[in-house]
Amino acid sequence: MVKTGLLFLLGETLFLLAIISFAADFLSKSAEVLEKKFGASFVGSVLLGFVTTLPELVFVVVAVLALENYVALGSAIGGNILLFTIGYGMVILLAYVYHKRLITLSPTLRDDLWYLLIASLFILLAAADGEFQLWEGLVLWVIYVIFIIDQFYESREVMATNVEKTEPITSKEKKVSLSFLVVGSVLLLLAAEPFVHTIVDLSEEIGVSALFLALVISPFASEMLEKISAFLLTKKSMEGAEIAIANFIGSKVQNNSLLFGVMIVIACTAGEPFKIGDEVINLLLMVVTTIVGVKITFDLELCPKEGVLAVLLYVLVVIALFKIG
């Protein structure tokens, strides 16, 4: 990409952020129609979880193919950090402000937390030697497949007990859903590669690490609509707050299994391991925030103090990433 001025790069970055956000919105609307057929649990944890992971997945694949592995790694790490810090904290605090109640979660959510914790700890152990190997990416894929199968059978049991509540999908809804899916996918594919190059050029222009920008900026780009939707759901009802938390966790289980697995496998197919170098400290920060999120969620109640803790943790992590970057 030709070197441009700072103002132009900033404008280009914001423009691409907007495109990615619109793409994520279209994909989410497409997946919402499927809830009538497969049920809220499976759609929230698996289908919508995949939709909200897709922008990050495309971004990471494009970055790896462009040999910008550190940008791909930064985006994958940043998404996880964003979830269990400011994303979590804001939903918890908004729920208390609007409804004066704690968020109470379904016991089935503990399964998702275990998958998230297992995948996160495996990533950290795999990174201990400073590189990811092909087989480690394949192990993460296995975790993802087991998670999908588990969620499928669990949701089928739930749907069997609520068969009378299942709504058929009309022909019109199918066409609208397909249109949203196609438009969202095309926008995402068109914007992902330029966004990778813009982040690299912007970092060079302002003298900030491209890894830091990928850790802080790209997660907001890929998850902006997910966060806005979560905040609106939380404002509407306590049930909406519960759905928002469940969707966060489901999408990040897929982030730490499918997304990391894809990133590692694609990078390693060239014949060389995925080099991590000194960035293992960023992975450690990711796992720490994941552990904190799992810990405060495992009792299935989220209170305002935990929301404040999560927001403060985000500030501390960003400061740490800036100093490291």
Protein backbone atom coordinates (compact mmCIF):
# COMPACT_ATOMS: atom_id res chain seq x y z
CA MET A 1 0.00 0.00 0.00
CA VAL A 2 1.27 3.42 -0.92
CA LYS A 3 2.30 5.59 2.02
CA THR A 4 -0.34 8.25 2.76
CA GLY A 5 -0.82 11.08 5.22
CA LEU A 6 -1.98 10.55 8.76
CA LEU A 7 -5.41 12.15 8.24
CA PHE A 8 -6.13 10.04 5.19
CA LEU A 9 -5.09 6.87 7.04
CA LEU A 10 -7.32 7.75 9.97
CA GLY A 11 -10.24 8.37 7.62
CA GLU A 12 -9.59 5.11 5.79
CA THR A 13 -9.42 3.21 9.09
CA LEU A 14 -12.75 4.65 10.28
CA PHE A 15 -14.35 3.90 6.91
CA LEU A 16 -13.23 0.27 7.02
CA LEU A 17 -14.35 -0.01 10.64
CA ALA A 18 -17.81 1.10 9.54
CA ILE A 19 -17.93 -1.46 6.72
CA ILE A 20 -16.88 -4.28 9.06
CA SER A 21 -19.50 -3.18 11.58
CA PHE A 22 -22.27 -3.13 8.96
CA ALA A 23 -21.15 -6.56 7.76
CA ALA A 24 -21.35 -7.95 11.29
CA ASP A 25 -24.84 -6.47 11.67
CA PHE A 26 -26.09 -8.12 8.48
CA LEU A 27 -24.64 -11.48 9.52
CA SER A 28 -26.25 -11.23 12.95
CA LYS A 29 -29.68 -10.46 11.42
CA SER A 30 -29.32 -13.48 9.17
CA ALA A 31 -28.54 -15.77 12.10
CA GLU A 32 -31.46 -14.44 14.16
CA VAL A 33 -33.93 -16.04 11.74
CA LEU A 34 -32.37 -19.45 12.41
CA GLU A 35 -33.30 -19.19 16.08
CA LYS A 36 -36.86 -20.19 15.18
CA LYS A 37 -35.64 -23.54 13.87
CA PHE A 38 -32.75 -24.44 16.17
CA GLY A 39 -33.64 -22.70 19.44
CA ALA A 40 -32.09 -19.81 21.36
CA SER A 41 -29.43 -21.83 23.17
CA PHE A 42 -27.84 -23.41 20.09
CA VAL A 43 -28.18 -20.24 18.00
CA GLY A 44 -26.77 -18.05 20.77
CA SER A 45 -23.77 -20.18 21.69
CA VAL A 46 -22.97 -21.76 18.31
CA LEU A 47 -24.57 -19.97 15.34
CA LEU A 48 -24.55 -16.39 16.62
CA GLY A 49 -21.28 -17.18 18.36
CA PHE A 50 -19.82 -18.11 14.98
CA VAL A 51 -21.31 -15.00 13.33
CA THR A 52 -19.74 -12.70 15.93
CA THR A 53 -16.44 -14.56 15.55
CA LEU A 54 -16.52 -14.43 11.74
CA PRO A 55 -15.23 -10.83 11.38
CA GLU A 56 -12.27 -11.71 13.59
CA LEU A 57 -11.77 -14.98 11.72
CA VAL A 58 -11.64 -13.28 8.31
CA PHE A 59 -9.34 -10.56 9.68
CA VAL A 60 -6.95 -13.16 11.13
CA VAL A 61 -6.89 -15.28 7.96
CA VAL A 62 -6.16 -12.24 5.77
CA ALA A 63 -3.42 -11.09 8.14
CA VAL A 64 -1.74 -14.51 8.17
CA LEU A 65 -1.90 -14.79 4.37
CA ALA A 66 -0.31 -11.33 4.18
CA LEU A 67 2.49 -12.66 6.44
CA GLU A 68 1.43 -10.23 9.18
CA ASN A 69 1.31 -12.94 11.85
CA TYR A 70 1.81 -10.51 14.72
CA VAL A 71 -1.25 -8.51 13.60
CA ALA A 72 -3.33 -11.71 13.41
CA LEU A 73 -2.16 -12.75 16.87
CA GLY A 74 -2.87 -9.30 18.27
CA SER A 75 -6.43 -9.35 16.94
CA ALA A 76 -7.11 -12.81 18.36
CA ILE A 77 -5.73 -11.84 21.76
CA GLY A 78 -7.45 -8.46 21.82
CA GLY A 79 -10.91 -9.93 21.23
CA ASN A 80 -10.58 -12.14 24.29
CA ILE A 81 -9.30 -9.33 26.48
CA LEU A 82 -12.11 -7.02 25.37
CA LEU A 83 -14.76 -9.61 26.23
CA PHE A 84 -13.93 -10.34 29.84
CA THR A 85 -13.06 -6.77 30.75
CA ILE A 86 -14.93 -3.78 29.36
CA GLY A 87 -17.59 -5.81 27.54
CA TYR A 88 -18.45 -7.85 30.60
CA GLY A 89 -18.16 -4.91 32.95
CA MET A 90 -20.47 -2.63 30.99
CA VAL A 91 -23.21 -5.26 30.66
CA ILE A 92 -23.07 -6.01 34.41
CA LEU A 93 -23.19 -2.33 35.36
CA LEU A 94 -25.92 -1.44 32.86
CA ALA A 95 -28.06 -4.31 34.14
CA TYR A 96 -27.82 -2.94 37.68
CA VAL A 97 -28.38 0.68 36.65
CA TYR A 98 -31.53 -0.08 34.62
CA HIS A 99 -33.00 -2.99 36.58
CA LYS A 100 -31.41 -2.85 40.06
CA ARG A 101 -30.78 -6.59 39.94
CA LEU A 102 -27.90 -9.01 39.67
CA ILE A 103 -27.51 -10.99 36.45
CA THR A 104 -28.45 -14.63 37.10
CA LEU A 105 -27.31 -17.17 34.50
CA SER A 106 -28.40 -20.65 33.44
CA PRO A 107 -26.46 -23.62 34.92
CA THR A 108 -25.85 -24.92 31.36
CA LEU A 109 -23.51 -21.97 30.84
CA ARG A 110 -20.89 -23.65 33.04
CA ASP A 111 -20.17 -26.09 30.19
CA ASP A 112 -19.20 -23.17 27.95
CA LEU A 113 -16.96 -21.78 30.68
CA TRP A 114 -15.11 -25.10 30.95
CA TYR A 115 -14.52 -25.21 27.18
CA LEU A 116 -13.26 -21.62 27.24
CA LEU A 117 -10.91 -22.28 30.14
CA ILE A 118 -9.52 -25.50 28.64
CA ALA A 119 -8.87 -23.89 25.25
CA SER A 120 -7.24 -20.81 26.84
CA LEU A 121 -4.90 -22.82 29.06
CA PHE A 122 -3.94 -25.07 26.13
CA ILE A 123 -3.04 -21.99 24.05
CA LEU A 124 -0.83 -20.69 26.85
CA LEU A 125 0.94 -24.04 27.26
CA ALA A 126 1.40 -24.35 23.49
CA ALA A 127 3.01 -20.89 23.42
CA ALA A 128 5.47 -21.64 26.22
CA ASP A 129 8.25 -22.60 23.77
CA GLY A 130 7.78 -19.40 21.72
CA GLU A 131 5.95 -20.93 18.77
CA PHE A 132 2.78 -22.75 17.74
CA GLN A 133 3.02 -26.09 15.94
CA LEU A 134 0.57 -27.49 13.38
CA TRP A 135 -0.65 -30.25 15.69
CA GLU A 136 -1.51 -27.67 18.35
CA GLY A 137 -3.81 -25.88 15.93
CA LEU A 138 -5.46 -29.21 15.11
CA VAL A 139 -6.03 -29.90 18.82
CA LEU A 140 -7.88 -26.58 19.07
CA TRP A 141 -10.06 -27.66 16.13
CA VAL A 142 -10.88 -30.87 18.00
CA ILE A 143 -11.95 -28.82 21.04
CA TYR A 144 -14.17 -26.74 18.75
CA VAL A 145 -15.81 -29.80 17.17
CA ILE A 146 -16.50 -31.37 20.58
CA PHE A 147 -18.01 -28.07 21.76
CA ILE A 148 -20.33 -27.93 18.71
CA ILE A 149 -21.45 -31.54 19.14
CA ASP A 150 -22.08 -31.02 22.85
CA GLN A 151 -24.11 -27.87 22.19
CA PHE A 152 -26.09 -29.57 19.42
CA TYR A 153 -27.25 -32.50 21.56
CA GLU A 154 -27.93 -30.25 24.54
CA SER A 155 -30.06 -27.90 22.43
CA ARG A 156 -31.91 -30.82 20.83
CA GLU A 157 -32.97 -31.99 24.28
CA VAL A 158 -34.19 -28.50 25.14
CA MET A 159 -36.09 -28.15 21.86
CA ALA A 160 -37.70 -31.58 22.35
CA THR A 161 -39.21 -30.39 25.62
CA ASN A 162 -40.45 -27.16 24.00
CA VAL A 163 -41.52 -28.43 20.59
CA GLU A 164 -44.83 -26.55 20.73
CA LYS A 165 -42.94 -23.24 20.96
CA THR A 166 -40.91 -23.83 17.79
CA GLU A 167 -41.81 -21.36 15.02
CA PRO A 168 -41.55 -22.31 11.32
CA ILE A 169 -39.40 -20.20 9.02
CA THR A 170 -41.43 -18.66 6.20
CA SER A 171 -40.25 -18.43 2.59
CA LYS A 172 -39.90 -14.65 2.92
CA GLU A 173 -37.78 -14.99 6.05
CA LYS A 174 -35.50 -17.49 4.28
CA LYS A 175 -34.94 -15.05 1.39
CA VAL A 176 -34.28 -12.10 3.73
CA SER A 177 -31.91 -14.21 5.84
CA LEU A 178 -29.99 -15.35 2.74
CA SER A 179 -29.74 -11.74 1.48
CA PHE A 180 -28.31 -10.55 4.79
CA LEU A 181 -25.85 -13.47 4.78
CA VAL A 182 -24.60 -12.73 1.26
CA VAL A 183 -24.34 -8.94 1.74
CA GLY A 184 -22.62 -9.28 5.11
CA SER A 185 -20.12 -11.84 3.82
CA VAL A 186 -19.23 -9.77 0.74
CA LEU A 187 -18.73 -6.58 2.78
CA LEU A 188 -16.58 -8.44 5.27
CA LEU A 189 -14.39 -10.04 2.62
CA LEU A 190 -13.92 -6.72 0.80
CA ALA A 191 -12.96 -4.80 3.96
CA ALA A 192 -10.77 -7.30 5.80
CA GLU A 193 -7.60 -7.19 3.69
CA PRO A 194 -7.45 -3.37 3.33
CA PHE A 195 -8.02 -3.06 7.06
CA VAL A 196 -4.97 -5.23 7.81
CA HIS A 197 -2.75 -3.04 5.61
CA THR A 198 -4.23 0.15 7.05
CA ILE A 199 -3.39 -0.91 10.60
CA VAL A 200 0.21 -1.61 9.61
CA ASP A 201 0.56 1.72 7.75
CA LEU A 202 -1.11 3.68 10.55
CA SER A 203 1.22 2.18 13.13
CA GLU A 204 4.23 3.22 11.06
CA GLU A 205 2.83 6.72 10.60
CA ILE A 206 2.24 7.42 14.30
CA GLY A 207 5.13 5.35 15.62
CA VAL A 208 3.00 2.87 17.59
CA SER A 209 3.39 -0.88 17.41
CA ALA A 210 1.10 -2.54 14.86
CA LEU A 211 0.59 -5.28 17.43
CA PHE A 212 -0.75 -2.73 19.92
CA LEU A 213 -3.18 -1.34 17.34
CA ALA A 214 -4.32 -4.86 16.47
CA LEU A 215 -4.76 -5.67 20.16
CA VAL A 216 -6.80 -2.55 20.92
CA ILE A 217 -8.40 -1.29 17.67
CA SER A 218 -9.27 -4.38 15.62
CA PRO A 219 -11.27 -6.06 18.42
CA PHE A 220 -13.49 -2.98 18.61
CA ALA A 221 -13.90 -3.18 14.83
CA SER A 222 -14.81 -6.85 14.71
CA GLU A 223 -16.94 -6.84 17.86
CA MET A 224 -18.47 -3.36 17.76
CA LEU A 225 -21.96 -4.52 16.76
CA GLU A 226 -21.86 -7.40 19.23
CA LYS A 227 -21.16 -4.95 22.06
CA ILE A 228 -23.81 -2.43 20.94
CA SER A 229 -26.40 -5.20 20.60
CA ALA A 230 -25.45 -6.53 24.03
CA PHE A 231 -25.87 -3.10 25.63
CA LEU A 232 -29.29 -2.60 23.99
CA LEU A 233 -30.43 -6.06 25.10
CA THR A 234 -29.29 -5.31 28.63
CA LYS A 235 -31.17 -2.02 28.71
CA LYS A 236 -34.35 -3.73 27.53
CA SER A 237 -34.55 -6.52 30.13
CA MET A 238 -32.69 -8.80 32.51
CA GLU A 239 -33.35 -11.66 30.10
CA GLY A 240 -31.55 -9.60 27.47
CA ALA A 241 -28.59 -9.17 29.81
CA GLU A 242 -28.41 -12.94 30.28
CA ILE A 243 -28.52 -13.49 26.52
CA ALA A 244 -25.73 -10.91 26.04
CA ILE A 245 -23.44 -12.67 28.53
CA ALA A 246 -24.19 -16.10 27.04
CA ASN A 247 -23.45 -14.83 23.52
CA PHE A 248 -20.17 -13.27 24.68
CA ILE A 249 -19.02 -16.56 26.15
CA GLY A 250 -20.16 -18.66 23.19
CA SER A 251 -18.36 -16.44 20.69
CA LYS A 252 -15.14 -16.51 22.70
CA VAL A 253 -15.17 -20.29 23.06
CA GLN A 254 -15.10 -20.33 19.28
CA ASN A 255 -12.44 -17.61 19.26
CA ASN A 256 -10.09 -19.67 21.43
CA SER A 257 -10.69 -22.91 19.54
CA LEU A 258 -11.74 -22.31 15.92
CA LEU A 259 -10.08 -18.92 15.39
CA PHE A 260 -6.76 -19.70 17.03
CA GLY A 261 -6.78 -23.11 15.36
CA VAL A 262 -7.33 -21.62 11.89
CA MET A 263 -4.62 -19.00 12.46
CA ILE A 264 -2.08 -21.62 13.55
CA VAL A 265 -2.89 -24.18 10.86
CA ILE A 266 -2.77 -21.67 7.99
CA ALA A 267 0.49 -20.17 9.22
CA CYS A 268 2.08 -23.61 9.69
CA THR A 269 1.06 -25.03 6.31
CA ALA A 270 3.90 -22.99 4.80
CA GLY A 271 6.21 -25.43 6.55
CA GLU A 272 7.35 -23.23 9.45
CA PRO A 273 5.96 -23.05 13.01
CA PHE A 274 3.99 -19.93 13.99
CA LYS A 275 6.64 -17.81 15.75
CA ILE A 276 5.44 -15.97 18.86
CA GLY A 277 8.66 -14.56 20.26
CA ASP A 278 8.21 -12.04 23.06
CA GLU A 279 4.46 -11.79 22.47
CA VAL A 280 3.87 -14.68 24.87
CA ILE A 281 3.32 -12.02 27.56
CA ASN A 282 0.25 -10.80 25.64
CA LEU A 283 -1.09 -14.35 25.57
CA LEU A 284 -0.53 -14.48 29.32
CA LEU A 285 -2.59 -11.31 29.74
CA MET A 286 -5.32 -12.88 27.64
CA VAL A 287 -5.43 -16.00 29.79
CA VAL A 288 -5.41 -13.95 33.01
CA THR A 289 -8.43 -11.93 31.88
CA THR A 290 -10.14 -15.16 30.78
CA ILE A 291 -9.55 -16.74 34.18
CA VAL A 292 -10.93 -13.64 35.90
CA GLY A 293 -14.01 -13.74 33.66
CA VAL A 294 -14.57 -17.44 34.29
CA LYS A 295 -14.11 -16.97 38.04
CA ILE A 296 -16.64 -14.15 38.39
CA THR A 297 -19.12 -16.01 36.16
CA PHE A 298 -18.85 -19.53 37.57
CA ASP A 299 -21.25 -18.89 40.48
CA LEU A 300 -23.79 -17.82 37.82
CA GLU A 301 -24.33 -14.40 39.42
CA LEU A 302 -22.76 -11.12 38.28
CA CYS A 303 -22.83 -8.13 40.65
CA PRO A 304 -21.84 -4.43 40.24
CA LYS A 305 -18.52 -4.89 42.10
CA GLU A 306 -17.52 -7.49 39.52
CA GLY A 307 -18.51 -5.10 36.75
CA VAL A 308 -16.28 -2.36 38.17
CA LEU A 309 -13.43 -4.87 38.53
CA ALA A 310 -13.78 -5.91 34.89
CA VAL A 311 -13.70 -2.32 33.59
CA LEU A 312 -10.66 -1.45 35.73
CA LEU A 313 -8.93 -4.59 34.51
CA TYR A 314 -9.36 -3.43 30.92
CA VAL A 315 -7.69 -0.09 31.71
CA LEU A 316 -4.76 -1.85 33.38
CA VAL A 317 -4.36 -4.31 30.49
CA VAL A 318 -4.41 -1.55 27.84
CA ILE A 319 -1.75 0.38 29.78
CA ALA A 320 0.36 -2.78 29.98
CA LEU A 321 -0.07 -3.48 26.25
CA PHE A 322 0.92 0.08 25.38
CA LYS A 323 4.13 -0.18 27.42
CA ILE A 324 4.90 -3.60 25.94
CA GLY A 325 4.13 -2.41 22.39
